[in-house]
Protein backbone atom coordinates (compact mmCIF):
# COMPACT_ATOMS: atom_id res chain seq x y z
CA MET A 1 -37.73 -26.99 73.48
CA ASN A 2 -38.21 -27.43 69.72
CA LYS A 3 -40.86 -30.05 68.98
CA ASN A 4 -40.73 -29.62 65.23
CA LYS A 5 -39.91 -32.60 63.07
CA TYR A 6 -38.08 -32.42 59.77
CA PHE A 7 -37.75 -35.08 57.12
CA ILE A 8 -35.44 -35.81 54.25
CA TYR A 9 -37.11 -38.04 51.71
CA ILE A 10 -36.42 -39.78 48.42
CA LEU A 11 -38.97 -40.12 45.64
CA THR A 12 -38.81 -42.13 42.45
CA ASN A 13 -41.07 -43.04 39.54
CA LYS A 14 -42.85 -46.34 38.94
CA PHE A 15 -39.79 -47.71 37.11
CA ASN A 16 -37.33 -46.61 39.86
CA THR A 17 -35.15 -44.88 37.28
CA THR A 18 -34.97 -41.32 38.63
CA LEU A 19 -34.44 -40.17 42.21
CA TYR A 20 -35.34 -36.92 43.92
CA ILE A 21 -34.16 -35.93 47.39
CA GLY A 22 -36.04 -33.28 49.34
CA VAL A 23 -36.57 -31.90 52.83
CA THR A 24 -39.81 -30.87 54.55
CA ASN A 25 -41.34 -30.22 57.93
CA ASN A 26 -44.55 -32.05 56.98
CA LEU A 27 -43.96 -35.32 55.15
CA LYS A 28 -47.64 -36.19 54.65
CA ARG A 29 -48.43 -32.82 53.09
CA ARG A 30 -45.33 -32.79 50.88
CA ILE A 31 -45.90 -36.30 49.53
CA TYR A 32 -49.55 -35.42 48.84
CA GLU A 33 -48.35 -32.35 46.91
CA HIS A 34 -45.91 -34.43 44.84
CA GLN A 35 -48.43 -37.20 44.16
CA ASN A 36 -51.07 -34.72 43.03
CA LYS A 37 -48.63 -32.74 40.87
CA LEU A 38 -49.11 -29.56 42.92
CA ILE A 39 -45.39 -28.75 42.85
CA ILE A 40 -44.11 -27.46 39.52
CA GLY A 41 -40.65 -28.67 38.63
CA PHE A 42 -38.45 -31.75 38.57
CA THR A 43 -40.78 -34.15 40.40
CA LYS A 44 -43.76 -33.22 38.25
CA LYS A 45 -41.74 -33.38 35.02
CA TYR A 46 -40.40 -36.87 35.79
CA ASN A 47 -43.55 -38.18 37.54
CA LEU A 48 -41.76 -38.81 40.83
CA THR A 49 -44.59 -39.77 43.18
CA LYS A 50 -43.34 -42.92 44.93
CA LEU A 51 -41.88 -42.38 48.41
CA ILE A 52 -39.14 -44.96 48.87
CA TYR A 53 -37.03 -43.57 51.73
CA PHE A 54 -37.16 -41.03 54.53
CA GLU A 55 -35.35 -40.00 57.69
CA GLU A 56 -36.70 -37.91 60.58
CA TYR A 57 -34.83 -35.14 62.41
CA ASN A 58 -35.61 -32.78 65.28
CA ASP A 59 -33.24 -30.12 63.97
CA ILE A 60 -33.63 -28.35 60.61
CA GLU A 61 -29.88 -27.85 60.23
CA GLN A 62 -29.28 -31.60 60.59
CA ALA A 63 -31.96 -32.33 58.01
CA LEU A 64 -30.58 -29.78 55.55
CA ASN A 65 -27.03 -31.07 56.01
CA ARG A 66 -28.18 -34.65 55.43
CA GLU A 67 -30.08 -33.60 52.29
CA LYS A 68 -26.94 -31.92 50.92
CA GLN A 69 -24.86 -34.98 51.79
CA LEU A 70 -27.19 -37.40 50.03
CA LYS A 71 -27.47 -35.21 46.94
CA LYS A 72 -23.68 -35.47 46.51
CA TRP A 73 -23.68 -39.27 46.63
CA ARG A 74 -23.43 -41.44 43.54
CA ARG A 75 -26.56 -43.31 42.51
CA SER A 76 -25.08 -46.66 43.60
CA LYS A 77 -24.56 -45.40 47.16
CA LYS A 78 -28.13 -44.02 47.28
CA ASP A 79 -29.43 -47.40 46.08
CA ILE A 80 -27.62 -49.15 48.96
CA LEU A 81 -29.15 -46.71 51.46
CA ILE A 82 -32.65 -47.26 50.07
CA ASN A 83 -32.20 -51.05 49.95
CA ARG A 84 -31.33 -51.16 53.66
CA MET A 85 -34.65 -49.55 54.65
CA ASN A 86 -36.85 -50.63 51.78
CA PRO A 87 -35.37 -53.59 49.85
CA LYS A 88 -38.42 -54.00 47.58
CA TRP A 89 -38.65 -50.25 46.91
CA ASN A 90 -42.27 -50.26 48.03
CA ASN A 91 -44.19 -47.03 48.09
CA LEU A 92 -43.98 -45.97 51.74
CA SER A 93 -46.56 -43.21 51.42
CA GLU A 94 -49.37 -45.55 52.47
CA ASP A 95 -47.56 -46.03 55.81
CA ILE A 96 -47.30 -42.31 56.54
CA TYR A 97 -51.01 -41.75 55.89
CA LYS A 98 -52.04 -44.31 58.56
């Protein structure tokens, strides 16, 4: 039985103007890497360090398919998704470190 967990997650900046959707098998580690600018690329360039949404999966294929699906959505649809889980767009990273 596969006990691995996979996460899709959405990051934004302090002004909530830019979104990034990613997938990982270790959400704590990945958010730490983004927040400490250890990953070169889009999230570092646009200072995307605020975790505002995530989903957990037991299957990597499901997680990858969901990531692809969300990346195709318009911004307004992504905003609705985020608002359902996190209406104030709080940084959820403090919760995952507990």
